[in-house]
Amino acid sequence: MSEKKEYPSLLEQGKNLAKFTLNLVKYIHENQGKGLIVSDEIFNKRLDICKTCDKYDKVQQRCIECGCFLNEKAKMSFEKCPLEKWEEDFENWEHNLENISKEISESKDLT
């Protein structure tokens, strides 16, 4: 027998979407040139954490606490878990970007 999942009300989910949109616009405005998406490593770590949480809906791959679709939320560098199980991540992306830039520069030097 399937257990019924109780998501936040549509009003709360709408507020969460509005907050996400505001945070996205604010982040883009304040951090021009920085990455929006976390590395694959951080994305996978976040999802692994979510999958062990009792608020994780395996069928819909959503968070019952905030109602978000986790395959999208976990990708965004400025997002965090509403239960504080994972935080925003800006440093790892910048570090990865620096490494990619360095590798590109080194490969140009070899040619």
PDB file of N, CA and C in Angstrom:
ATOM      1  N   MET A   1       0.833  -1.175   0.000  1.00  0.00           N
ATOM      2  CA  MET A   1       0.000   0.000   0.000  1.00  0.00           C
ATOM      3  C   MET A   1       0.883   1.246   0.000  1.00  0.00           C
ATOM      4  N   SER A   2       0.584   2.187  -0.876  1.00  0.00           N
ATOM      5  CA  SER A   2       1.374   3.400  -1.035  1.00  0.00           C
ATOM      6  C   SER A   2       1.010   4.431   0.026  1.00  0.00           C
ATOM      7  N   GLU A   3       2.038   5.011   0.609  1.00  0.00           N
ATOM      8  CA  GLU A   3       1.854   6.028   1.631  1.00  0.00           C
ATOM      9  C   GLU A   3       1.671   7.389   0.956  1.00  0.00           C
ATOM     10  N   LYS A   4       0.642   8.147   1.339  1.00  0.00           N
ATOM     11  CA  LYS A   4       0.385   9.457   0.749  1.00  0.00           C
ATOM     12  C   LYS A   4       1.389  10.463   1.287  1.00  0.00           C
ATOM     13  N   LYS A   5       2.008  11.199   0.365  1.00  0.00           N
ATOM     14  CA  LYS A   5       2.994  12.214   0.731  1.00  0.00           C
ATOM     15  C   LYS A   5       2.285  13.551   0.907  1.00  0.00           C
ATOM     16  N   GLU A   6       2.634  14.251   1.946  1.00  0.00           N
ATOM     17  CA  GLU A   6       2.055  15.566   2.216  1.00  0.00           C
ATOM     18  C   GLU A   6       3.076  16.643   1.879  1.00  0.00           C
ATOM     19  N   TYR A   7       2.915  17.260   0.730  1.00  0.00           N
ATOM     20  CA  TYR A   7       3.773  18.360   0.326  1.00  0.00           C
ATOM     21  C   TYR A   7       3.247  19.655   0.940  1.00  0.00           C
ATOM     22  N   PRO A   8       4.065  20.703   0.891  1.00  0.00           N
ATOM     23  CA  PRO A   8       3.548  21.997   1.336  1.00  0.00           C
ATOM     24  C   PRO A   8       2.350  22.393   0.459  1.00  0.00           C
ATOM     25  N   SER A   9       1.534  23.274   0.963  1.00  0.00           N
ATOM     26  CA  SER A   9       0.376  23.745   0.191  1.00  0.00           C
ATOM     27  C   SER A   9       0.861  24.376  -1.116  1.00  0.00           C
ATOM     28  N   LEU A  10      -0.039  24.497  -2.082  1.00  0.00           N
ATOM     29  CA  LEU A  10       0.326  25.149  -3.343  1.00  0.00           C
ATOM     30  C   LEU A  10       0.796  26.582  -3.101  1.00  0.00           C
ATOM     31  N   LEU A  11       0.193  27.252  -2.131  1.00  0.00           N
ATOM     32  CA  LEU A  11       0.619  28.598  -1.780  1.00  0.00           C
ATOM     33  C   LEU A  11       2.072  28.598  -1.304  1.00  0.00           C
ATOM     34  N   GLU A  12       2.416  27.662  -0.424  1.00  0.00           N
ATOM     35  CA  GLU A  12       3.793  27.572   0.076  1.00  0.00           C
ATOM     36  C   GLU A  12       4.755  27.205  -1.050  1.00  0.00           C
ATOM     37  N   GLN A  13       4.349  26.284  -1.926  1.00  0.00           N
ATOM     38  CA  GLN A  13       5.203  25.921  -3.052  1.00  0.00           C
ATOM     39  C   GLN A  13       5.395  27.127  -3.979  1.00  0.00           C
ATOM     40  N   GLY A  14       4.340  27.923  -4.166  1.00  0.00           N
ATOM     41  CA  GLY A  14       4.448  29.143  -4.963  1.00  0.00           C
ATOM     42  C   GLY A  14       5.406  30.141  -4.338  1.00  0.00           C
ATOM     43  N   LYS A  15       5.331  30.271  -3.010  1.00  0.00           N
ATOM     44  CA  LYS A  15       6.259  31.162  -2.300  1.00  0.00           C
ATOM     45  C   LYS A  15       7.695  30.672  -2.466  1.00  0.00           C
ATOM     46  N   ASN A  16       7.889  29.344  -2.380  1.00  0.00           N
ATOM     47  CA  ASN A  16       9.229  28.782  -2.558  1.00  0.00           C
ATOM     48  C   ASN A  16       9.746  29.049  -3.968  1.00  0.00           C
ATOM     49  N   LEU A  17       8.884  28.928  -4.977  1.00  0.00           N
ATOM     50  CA  LEU A  17       9.278  29.209  -6.357  1.00  0.00           C
ATOM     51  C   LEU A  17       9.620  30.689  -6.524  1.00  0.00           C
ATOM     52  N   ALA A  18       8.823  31.562  -5.926  1.00  0.00           N
ATOM     53  CA  ALA A  18       9.107  32.999  -5.997  1.00  0.00           C
ATOM     54  C   ALA A  18      10.439  33.315  -5.312  1.00  0.00           C
ATOM     55  N   LYS A  19      10.695  32.692  -4.181  1.00  0.00           N
ATOM     56  CA  LYS A  19      11.953  32.899  -3.460  1.00  0.00           C
ATOM     57  C   LYS A  19      13.125  32.410  -4.310  1.00  0.00           C
ATOM     58  N   PHE A  20      12.958  31.241  -4.949  1.00  0.00           N
ATOM     59  CA  PHE A  20      13.995  30.707  -5.827  1.00  0.00           C
ATOM     60  C   PHE A  20      14.286  31.697  -6.961  1.00  0.00           C
ATOM     61  N   THR A  21      13.245  32.220  -7.590  1.00  0.00           N
ATOM     62  CA  THR A  21      13.400  33.148  -8.704  1.00  0.00           C
ATOM     63  C   THR A  21      14.105  34.418  -8.250  1.00  0.00           C
ATOM     64  N   LEU A  22      13.703  34.952  -7.116  1.00  0.00           N
ATOM     65  CA  LEU A  22      14.347  36.143  -6.568  1.00  0.00           C
ATOM     66  C   LEU A  22      15.821  35.873  -6.269  1.00  0.00           C
ATOM     67  N   ASN A  23      16.118  34.735  -5.646  1.00  0.00           N
ATOM     68  CA  ASN A  23      17.506  34.386  -5.344  1.00  0.00           C
ATOM     69  C   ASN A  23      18.326  34.217  -6.618  1.00  0.00           C
ATOM     70  N   LEU A  24      17.733  33.644  -7.658  1.00  0.00           N
ATOM     71  CA  LEU A  24      18.425  33.461  -8.926  1.00  0.00           C
ATOM     72  C   LEU A  24      18.779  34.806  -9.551  1.00  0.00           C
ATOM     73  N   VAL A  25      17.810  35.702  -9.628  1.00  0.00           N
ATOM     74  CA  VAL A  25      18.049  37.022 -10.210  1.00  0.00           C
ATOM     75  C   VAL A  25      19.086  37.785  -9.376  1.00  0.00           C
ATOM     76  N   LYS A  26      18.954  37.734  -8.073  1.00  0.00           N
ATOM     77  CA  LYS A  26      19.893  38.421  -7.181  1.00  0.00           C
ATOM     78  C   LYS A  26      21.304  37.855  -7.355  1.00  0.00           C
ATOM     79  N   TYR A  27      21.410  36.527  -7.412  1.00  0.00           N
ATOM     80  CA  TYR A  27      22.720  35.892  -7.564  1.00  0.00           C
ATOM     81  C   TYR A  27      23.365  36.299  -8.884  1.00  0.00           C
ATOM     82  N   ILE A  28      22.600  36.247  -9.970  1.00  0.00           N
ATOM     83  CA  ILE A  28      23.139  36.612 -11.283  1.00  0.00           C
ATOM     84  C   ILE A  28      23.612  38.064 -11.272  1.00  0.00           C
ATOM     85  N   HIS A  29      22.814  38.932 -10.683  1.00  0.00           N
ATOM     86  CA  HIS A  29      23.161  40.356 -10.629  1.00  0.00           C
ATOM     87  C   HIS A  29      24.432  40.602  -9.808  1.00  0.00           C
ATOM     88  N   GLU A  30      24.552  39.955  -8.672  1.00  0.00           N
ATOM     89  CA  GLU A  30      25.671  40.201  -7.760  1.00  0.00           C
ATOM     90  C   GLU A  30      26.932  39.415  -8.117  1.00  0.00           C
ATOM     91  N   ASN A  31      26.790  38.356  -8.902  1.00  0.00           N
ATOM     92  CA  ASN A  31      27.927  37.462  -9.144  1.00  0.00           C
ATOM     93  C   ASN A  31      28.157  37.226 -10.627  1.00  0.00           C
ATOM     94  N   GLN A  32      28.116  38.269 -11.393  1.00  0.00           N
ATOM     95  CA  GLN A  32      28.315  38.115 -12.831  1.00  0.00           C
ATOM     96  C   GLN A  32      29.651  37.445 -13.096  1.00  0.00           C
ATOM     97  N   GLY A  33      29.613  36.432 -13.943  1.00  0.00           N
ATOM     98  CA  GLY A  33      30.828  35.709 -14.287  1.00  0.00           C
ATOM     99  C   GLY A  33      31.079  34.484 -13.430  1.00  0.00           C
ATOM    100  N   LYS A  34      30.304  34.285 -12.384  1.00  0.00           N
ATOM    101  CA  LYS A  34      30.477  33.097 -11.542  1.00  0.00           C
ATOM    102  C   LYS A  34      29.465  32.039 -11.956  1.00  0.00           C
ATOM    103  N   GLY A  35      29.773  30.796 -11.648  1.00  0.00           N
ATOM    104  CA  GLY A  35      28.926  29.682 -12.055  1.00  0.00           C
ATOM    105  C   GLY A  35      27.652  29.565 -11.247  1.00  0.00           C
ATOM    106  N   LEU A  36      26.598  29.172 -11.920  1.00  0.00           N
ATOM    107  CA  LEU A  36      25.314  28.914 -11.270  1.00  0.00           C
ATOM    108  C   LEU A  36      25.170  27.463 -10.855  1.00  0.00           C
ATOM    109  N   ILE A  37      25.883  26.595 -11.525  1.00  0.00           N
ATOM    110  CA  ILE A  37      25.716  25.157 -11.356  1.00  0.00           C
ATOM    111  C   ILE A  37      26.898  24.600 -10.570  1.00  0.00           C
ATOM    112  N   VAL A  38      26.602  23.721  -9.608  1.00  0.00           N
ATOM    113  CA  VAL A  38      27.673  23.091  -8.833  1.00  0.00           C
ATOM    114  C   VAL A  38      28.343  22.001  -9.660  1.00  0.00           C
ATOM    115  N   SER A  39      29.472  21.544  -9.206  1.00  0.00           N
ATOM    116  CA  SER A  39      30.169  20.446  -9.877  1.00  0.00           C
ATOM    117  C   SER A  39      29.339  19.170  -9.767  1.00  0.00           C
ATOM    118  N   ASP A  40      29.636  18.213 -10.620  1.00  0.00           N
ATOM    119  CA  ASP A  40      28.943  16.916 -10.562  1.00  0.00           C
ATOM    120  C   ASP A  40      29.149  16.257  -9.203  1.00  0.00           C
ATOM    121  N   GLU A  41      30.329  16.419  -8.650  1.00  0.00           N
ATOM    122  CA  GLU A  41      30.644  15.823  -7.340  1.00  0.00           C
ATOM    123  C   GLU A  41      29.719  16.384  -6.248  1.00  0.00           C
ATOM    124  N   ILE A  42      29.574  17.689  -6.195  1.00  0.00           N
ATOM    125  CA  ILE A  42      28.713  18.322  -5.179  1.00  0.00           C
ATOM    126  C   ILE A  42      27.257  17.954  -5.432  1.00  0.00           C
ATOM    127  N   PHE A  43      26.836  17.983  -6.695  1.00  0.00           N
ATOM    128  CA  PHE A  43      25.469  17.603  -7.053  1.00  0.00           C
ATOM    129  C   PHE A  43      25.157  16.189  -6.548  1.00  0.00           C
ATOM    130  N   ASN A  44      26.048  15.254  -6.817  1.00  0.00           N
ATOM    131  CA  ASN A  44      25.827  13.865  -6.389  1.00  0.00           C
ATOM    132  C   ASN A  44      25.841  13.719  -4.872  1.00  0.00           C
ATOM    133  N   LYS A  45      26.711  14.463  -4.193  1.00  0.00           N
ATOM    134  CA  LYS A  45      26.733  14.434  -2.721  1.00  0.00           C
ATOM    135  C   LYS A  45      25.412  14.946  -2.159  1.00  0.00           C
ATOM    136  N   ARG A  46      24.912  16.039  -2.727  1.00  0.00           N
ATOM    137  CA  ARG A  46      23.640  16.588  -2.265  1.00  0.00           C
ATOM    138  C   ARG A  46      22.509  15.579  -2.453  1.00  0.00           C
ATOM    139  N   LEU A  47      22.435  14.982  -3.634  1.00  0.00           N
ATOM    140  CA  LEU A  47      21.372  13.998  -3.882  1.00  0.00           C
ATOM    141  C   LEU A  47      21.496  12.794  -2.957  1.00  0.00           C
ATOM    142  N   ASP A  48      22.719  12.351  -2.701  1.00  0.00           N
ATOM    143  CA  ASP A  48      22.920  11.219  -1.784  1.00  0.00           C
ATOM    144  C   ASP A  48      22.382  11.562  -0.395  1.00  0.00           C
ATOM    145  N   ILE A  49      22.616  12.792   0.053  1.00  0.00           N
ATOM    146  CA  ILE A  49      22.094  13.232   1.349  1.00  0.00           C
ATOM    147  C   ILE A  49      20.569  13.222   1.321  1.00  0.00           C
ATOM    148  N   CYS A  50      19.998  13.781   0.258  1.00  0.00           N
ATOM    149  CA  CYS A  50      18.538  13.839   0.139  1.00  0.00           C
ATOM    150  C   CYS A  50      17.918  12.438   0.146  1.00  0.00           C
ATOM    151  N   LYS A  51      18.557  11.514  -0.543  1.00  0.00           N
ATOM    152  CA  LYS A  51      18.000  10.161  -0.667  1.00  0.00           C
ATOM    153  C   LYS A  51      17.953   9.417   0.662  1.00  0.00           C
ATOM    154  N   THR A  52      18.735   9.861   1.633  1.00  0.00           N
ATOM    155  CA  THR A  52      18.708   9.221   2.955  1.00  0.00           C
ATOM    156  C   THR A  52      17.748   9.917   3.923  1.00  0.00           C
ATOM    157  N   CYS A  53      17.152  11.015   3.476  1.00  0.00           N
ATOM    158  CA  CYS A  53      16.276  11.822   4.329  1.00  0.00           C
ATOM    159  C   CYS A  53      14.850  11.270   4.310  1.00  0.00           C
ATOM    160  N   ASP A  54      14.163  11.341   5.449  1.00  0.00           N
ATOM    161  CA  ASP A  54      12.781  10.867   5.516  1.00  0.00           C
ATOM    162  C   ASP A  54      11.810  11.805   4.792  1.00  0.00           C
ATOM    163  N   LYS A  55      12.282  12.965   4.352  1.00  0.00           N
ATOM    164  CA  LYS A  55      11.455  13.912   3.593  1.00  0.00           C
ATOM    165  C   LYS A  55      11.638  13.749   2.082  1.00  0.00           C
ATOM    166  N   TYR A  56      12.383  12.724   1.673  1.00  0.00           N
ATOM    167  CA  TYR A  56      12.646  12.480   0.254  1.00  0.00           C
ATOM    168  C   TYR A  56      11.562  11.581  -0.329  1.00  0.00           C
ATOM    169  N   ASP A  57      10.945  12.038  -1.415  1.00  0.00           N
ATOM    170  CA  ASP A  57       9.955  11.254  -2.151  1.00  0.00           C
ATOM    171  C   ASP A  57      10.677  10.604  -3.326  1.00  0.00           C
ATOM    172  N   LYS A  58      10.932   9.313  -3.195  1.00  0.00           N
ATOM    173  CA  LYS A  58      11.686   8.562  -4.190  1.00  0.00           C
ATOM    174  C   LYS A  58      10.982   8.541  -5.544  1.00  0.00           C
ATOM    175  N   VAL A  59       9.670   8.425  -5.553  1.00  0.00           N
ATOM    176  CA  VAL A  59       8.915   8.324  -6.803  1.00  0.00           C
ATOM    177  C   VAL A  59       9.023   9.611  -7.612  1.00  0.00           C
ATOM    178  N   GLN A  60       8.804  10.743  -6.974  1.00  0.00           N
ATOM    179  CA  GLN A  60       8.830  12.025  -7.683  1.00  0.00           C
ATOM    180  C   GLN A  60      10.185  12.726  -7.606  1.00  0.00           C
ATOM    181  N   GLN A  61      11.098  12.189  -6.819  1.00  0.00           N
ATOM    182  CA  GLN A  61      12.414  12.792  -6.586  1.00  0.00           C
ATOM    183  C   GLN A  61      12.257  14.247  -6.140  1.00  0.00           C
ATOM    184  N   ARG A  62      11.392  14.400  -5.127  1.00  0.00           N
ATOM    185  CA  ARG A  62      11.086  15.722  -4.570  1.00  0.00           C
ATOM    186  C   ARG A  62      11.315  15.727  -3.073  1.00  0.00           C
ATOM    187  N   CYS A  63      11.462  16.916  -2.556  1.00  0.00           N
ATOM    188  CA  CYS A  63      11.565  17.129  -1.119  1.00  0.00           C
ATOM    189  C   CYS A  63      10.164  17.423  -0.583  1.00  0.00           C
ATOM    190  N   ILE A  64       9.725  16.647   0.362  1.00  0.00           N
ATOM    191  CA  ILE A  64       8.401  16.853   0.946  1.00  0.00           C
ATOM    192  C   ILE A  64       8.387  18.109   1.824  1.00  0.00           C
ATOM    193  N   GLU A  65       9.529  18.494   2.342  1.00  0.00           N
ATOM    194  CA  GLU A  65       9.612  19.687   3.195  1.00  0.00           C
ATOM    195  C   GLU A  65       9.345  20.966   2.400  1.00  0.00           C
ATOM    196  N   CYS A  66      10.021  21.136   1.253  1.00  0.00           N
ATOM    197  CA  CYS A  66       9.869  22.375   0.476  1.00  0.00           C
ATOM    198  C   CYS A  66       9.092  22.173  -0.818  1.00  0.00           C
ATOM    199  N   GLY A  67       8.938  20.925  -1.259  1.00  0.00           N
ATOM    200  CA  GLY A  67       8.207  20.639  -2.482  1.00  0.00           C
ATOM    201  C   GLY A  67       9.046  20.728  -3.744  1.00  0.00           C
ATOM    202  N   CYS A  68      10.332  20.999  -3.609  1.00  0.00           N
ATOM    203  CA  CYS A  68      11.196  21.179  -4.776  1.00  0.00           C
ATOM    204  C   CYS A  68      11.550  19.856  -5.443  1.00  0.00           C
ATOM    205  N   PHE A  69      11.767  19.930  -6.757  1.00  0.00           N
ATOM    206  CA  PHE A  69      12.293  18.796  -7.509  1.00  0.00           C
ATOM    207  C   PHE A  69      13.803  18.810  -7.323  1.00  0.00           C
ATOM    208  N   LEU A  70      14.318  17.770  -6.687  1.00  0.00           N
ATOM    209  CA  LEU A  70      15.704  17.792  -6.231  1.00  0.00           C
ATOM    210  C   LEU A  70      16.728  17.663  -7.340  1.00  0.00           C
ATOM    211  N   ASN A  71      16.384  17.044  -8.465  1.00  0.00           N
ATOM    212  CA  ASN A  71      17.340  16.975  -9.565  1.00  0.00           C
ATOM    213  C   ASN A  71      17.662  18.356 -10.114  1.00  0.00           C
ATOM    214  N   GLU A  72      16.791  19.311  -9.873  1.00  0.00           N
ATOM    215  CA  GLU A  72      17.044  20.690 -10.305  1.00  0.00           C
ATOM    216  C   GLU A  72      17.633  21.520  -9.163  1.00  0.00           C
ATOM    217  N   LYS A  73      17.024  21.433  -8.007  1.00  0.00           N
ATOM    218  CA  LYS A  73      17.473  22.251  -6.871  1.00  0.00           C
ATOM    219  C   LYS A  73      18.921  21.939  -6.495  1.00  0.00           C
ATOM    220  N   ALA A  74      19.279  20.674  -6.471  1.00  0.00           N
ATOM    221  CA  ALA A  74      20.624  20.275  -6.039  1.00  0.00           C
ATOM    222  C   ALA A  74      21.720  20.737  -6.997  1.00  0.00           C
ATOM    223  N   LYS A  75      21.355  21.137  -8.201  1.00  0.00           N
ATOM    224  CA  LYS A  75      22.331  21.627  -9.186  1.00  0.00           C
ATOM    225  C   LYS A  75      22.740  23.072  -8.951  1.00  0.00           C
ATOM    226  N   MET A  76      21.888  23.828  -8.298  1.00  0.00           N
ATOM    227  CA  MET A  76      22.088  25.270  -8.202  1.00  0.00           C
ATOM    228  C   MET A  76      23.033  25.636  -7.049  1.00  0.00           C
ATOM    229  N   SER A  77      24.055  26.404  -7.364  1.00  0.00           N
ATOM    230  CA  SER A  77      25.072  26.741  -6.363  1.00  0.00           C
ATOM    231  C   SER A  77      24.521  27.577  -5.213  1.00  0.00           C
ATOM    232  N   PHE A  78      23.482  28.376  -5.460  1.00  0.00           N
ATOM    233  CA  PHE A  78      22.965  29.275  -4.426  1.00  0.00           C
ATOM    234  C   PHE A  78      21.857  28.641  -3.595  1.00  0.00           C
ATOM    235  N   GLU A  79      21.484  27.398  -3.875  1.00  0.00           N
ATOM    236  CA  GLU A  79      20.417  26.726  -3.127  1.00  0.00           C
ATOM    237  C   GLU A  79      20.970  26.006  -1.905  1.00  0.00           C
ATOM    238  N   LYS A  80      20.081  25.779  -0.933  1.00  0.00           N
ATOM    239  CA  LYS A  80      20.447  25.013   0.253  1.00  0.00           C
ATOM    240  C   LYS A  80      19.244  24.203   0.710  1.00  0.00           C
ATOM    241  N   CYS A  81      19.491  23.187   1.477  1.00  0.00           N
ATOM    242  CA  CYS A  81      18.446  22.319   2.013  1.00  0.00           C
ATOM    243  C   CYS A  81      17.664  23.077   3.086  1.00  0.00           C
ATOM    244  N   PRO A  82      16.322  23.018   3.049  1.00  0.00           N
ATOM    245  CA  PRO A  82      15.542  23.708   4.078  1.00  0.00           C
ATOM    246  C   PRO A  82      15.721  23.092   5.464  1.00  0.00           C
ATOM    247  N   LEU A  83      16.242  21.873   5.506  1.00  0.00           N
ATOM    248  CA  LEU A  83      16.500  21.211   6.789  1.00  0.00           C
ATOM    249  C   LEU A  83      17.966  21.329   7.204  1.00  0.00           C
ATOM    250  N   GLU A  84      18.718  22.163   6.464  1.00  0.00           N
ATOM    251  CA  GLU A  84      20.127  22.446   6.738  1.00  0.00           C
ATOM    252  C   GLU A  84      21.022  21.213   6.658  1.00  0.00           C
ATOM    253  N   LYS A  85      20.691  20.297   5.742  1.00  0.00           N
ATOM    254  CA  LYS A  85      21.517  19.099   5.560  1.00  0.00           C
ATOM    255  C   LYS A  85      22.629  19.345   4.546  1.00  0.00           C
ATOM    256  N   TRP A  86      22.478  20.359   3.690  1.00  0.00           N
ATOM    257  CA  TRP A  86      23.541  20.837   2.811  1.00  0.00           C
ATOM    258  C   TRP A  86      23.319  22.314   2.532  1.00  0.00           C
ATOM    259  N   GLU A  87      24.427  23.001   2.288  1.00  0.00           N
ATOM    260  CA  GLU A  87      24.418  24.465   2.155  1.00  0.00           C
ATOM    261  C   GLU A  87      24.718  24.902   0.727  1.00  0.00           C
ATOM    262  N   GLU A  88      24.689  26.227   0.510  1.00  0.00           N
ATOM    263  CA  GLU A  88      25.107  26.783  -0.758  1.00  0.00           C
ATOM    264  C   GLU A  88      26.554  26.374  -1.015  1.00  0.00           C
ATOM    265  N   ASP A  89      26.948  26.369  -2.278  1.00  0.00           N
ATOM    266  CA  ASP A  89      28.319  25.987  -2.604  1.00  0.00           C
ATOM    267  C   ASP A  89      28.838  26.890  -3.716  1.00  0.00           C
ATOM    268  N   PHE A  90      29.717  27.804  -3.361  1.00  0.00           N
ATOM    269  CA  PHE A  90      30.301  28.695  -4.351  1.00  0.00           C
ATOM    270  C   PHE A  90      31.779  28.380  -4.550  1.00  0.00           C
ATOM    271  N   GLU A  91      32.467  28.004  -3.491  1.00  0.00           N
ATOM    272  CA  GLU A  91      33.904  27.802  -3.546  1.00  0.00           C
ATOM    273  C   GLU A  91      34.302  26.657  -4.456  1.00  0.00           C
ATOM    274  N   ASN A  92      33.624  25.522  -4.357  1.00  0.00           N
ATOM    275  CA  ASN A  92      34.009  24.376  -5.167  1.00  0.00           C
ATOM    276  C   ASN A  92      33.861  24.667  -6.648  1.00  0.00           C
ATOM    277  N   TRP A  93      32.802  25.373  -7.025  1.00  0.00           N
ATOM    278  CA  TRP A  93      32.631  25.700  -8.436  1.00  0.00           C
ATOM    279  C   TRP A  93      33.774  26.604  -8.910  1.00  0.00           C
ATOM    280  N   GLU A  94      34.086  27.618  -8.120  1.00  0.00           N
ATOM    281  CA  GLU A  94      35.155  28.527  -8.512  1.00  0.00           C
ATOM    282  C   GLU A  94      36.487  27.786  -8.594  1.00  0.00           C
ATOM    283  N   HIS A  95      36.729  26.861  -7.665  1.00  0.00           N
ATOM    284  CA  HIS A  95      37.955  26.069  -7.689  1.00  0.00           C
ATOM    285  C   HIS A  95      37.990  25.208  -8.955  1.00  0.00           C
ATOM    286  N   ASN A  96      36.879  24.557  -9.285  1.00  0.00           N
ATOM    287  CA  ASN A  96      36.825  23.740 -10.496  1.00  0.00           C
ATOM    288  C   ASN A  96      37.030  24.591 -11.740  1.00  0.00           C
ATOM    289  N   LEU A  97      36.445  25.768 -11.772  1.00  0.00           N
ATOM    290  CA  LEU A  97      36.601  26.658 -12.915  1.00  0.00           C
ATOM    291  C   LEU A  97      38.060  27.080 -13.070  1.00  0.00           C
ATOM    292  N   GLU A  98      38.725  27.362 -11.963  1.00  0.00           N
ATOM    293  CA  GLU A  98      40.148  27.711 -12.012  1.00  0.00           C
ATOM    294  C   GLU A  98      40.963  26.553 -12.578  1.00  0.00           C
ATOM    295  N   ASN A  99      40.660  25.323 -12.157  1.00  0.00           N
ATOM    296  CA  ASN A  99      41.380  24.160 -12.657  1.00  0.00           C
ATOM    297  C   ASN A  99      41.151  23.957 -14.152  1.00  0.00           C
ATOM    298  N   ILE A 100      39.919  24.146 -14.600  1.00  0.00           N
ATOM    299  CA  ILE A 100      39.613  24.015 -16.026  1.00  0.00           C
ATOM    300  C   ILE A 100      40.381  25.071 -16.822  1.00  0.00           C
ATOM    301  N   SER A 101      40.383  26.312 -16.330  1.00  0.00           N
ATOM    302  CA  SER A 101      41.114  27.392 -17.008  1.00  0.00           C
ATOM    303  C   SER A 101      42.603  27.073 -17.078  1.00  0.00           C
ATOM    304  N   LYS A 102      43.151  26.552 -15.991  1.00  0.00           N
ATOM    305  CA  LYS A 102      44.563  26.195 -15.944  1.00  0.00           C
ATOM    306  C   LYS A 102      44.879  25.095 -16.954  1.00  0.00           C
ATOM    307  N   GLU A 103      44.012  24.068 -17.018  1.00  0.00           N
ATOM    308  CA  GLU A 103      44.217  22.975 -17.968  1.00  0.00           C
ATOM    309  C   GLU A 103      44.164  23.467 -19.407  1.00  0.00           C
ATOM    310  N   ILE A 104      43.246  24.388 -19.690  1.00  0.00           N
ATOM    311  CA  ILE A 104      43.141  24.943 -21.042  1.00  0.00           C
ATOM    312  C   ILE A 104      44.417  25.720 -21.376  1.00  0.00           C
ATOM    313  N   SER A 105      44.887  26.525 -20.443  1.00  0.00           N
ATOM    314  CA  SER A 105      46.113  27.297 -20.674  1.00  0.00           C
ATOM    315  C   SER A 105      47.303  26.381 -20.901  1.00  0.00           C
ATOM    316  N   GLU A 106      47.403  25.334 -20.099  1.00  0.00           N
ATOM    317  CA  GLU A 106      48.515  24.387 -20.243  1.00  0.00           C
ATOM    318  C   GLU A 106      48.445  23.652 -21.570  1.00  0.00           C
ATOM    319  N   SER A 107      47.259  23.299 -22.013  1.00  0.00           N
ATOM    320  CA  SER A 107      47.137  22.584 -23.295  1.00  0.00           C
ATOM    321  C   SER A 107      47.498  23.496 -24.461  1.00  0.00           C
ATOM    322  N   LYS A 108      47.217  24.800 -24.338  1.00  0.00           N
ATOM    323  CA  LYS A 108      47.604  25.757 -25.386  1.00  0.00           C
ATOM    324  C   LYS A 108      49.124  25.887 -25.445  1.00  0.00           C
ATOM    325  N   ASP A 109      49.767  25.812 -24.276  1.00  0.00           N
ATOM    326  CA  ASP A 109      51.228  25.935 -24.219  1.00  0.00           C
ATOM    327  C   ASP A 109      51.905  24.749 -24.900  1.00  0.00           C
ATOM    328  N   LEU A 110      51.249  23.595 -24.909  1.00  0.00           N
ATOM    329  CA  LEU A 110      51.826  22.389 -25.499  1.00  0.00           C
ATOM    330  C   LEU A 110      51.738  22.388 -27.025  1.00  0.00           C
ATOM    331  N   THR A 111      50.847  23.188 -27.589  1.00  0.00           N
ATOM    332  CA  THR A 111      50.695  23.187 -29.041  1.00  0.00           C
ATOM    333  C   THR A 111      51.577  24.193 -29.725  1.00  0.00           C
TER     334      THR A 111
END
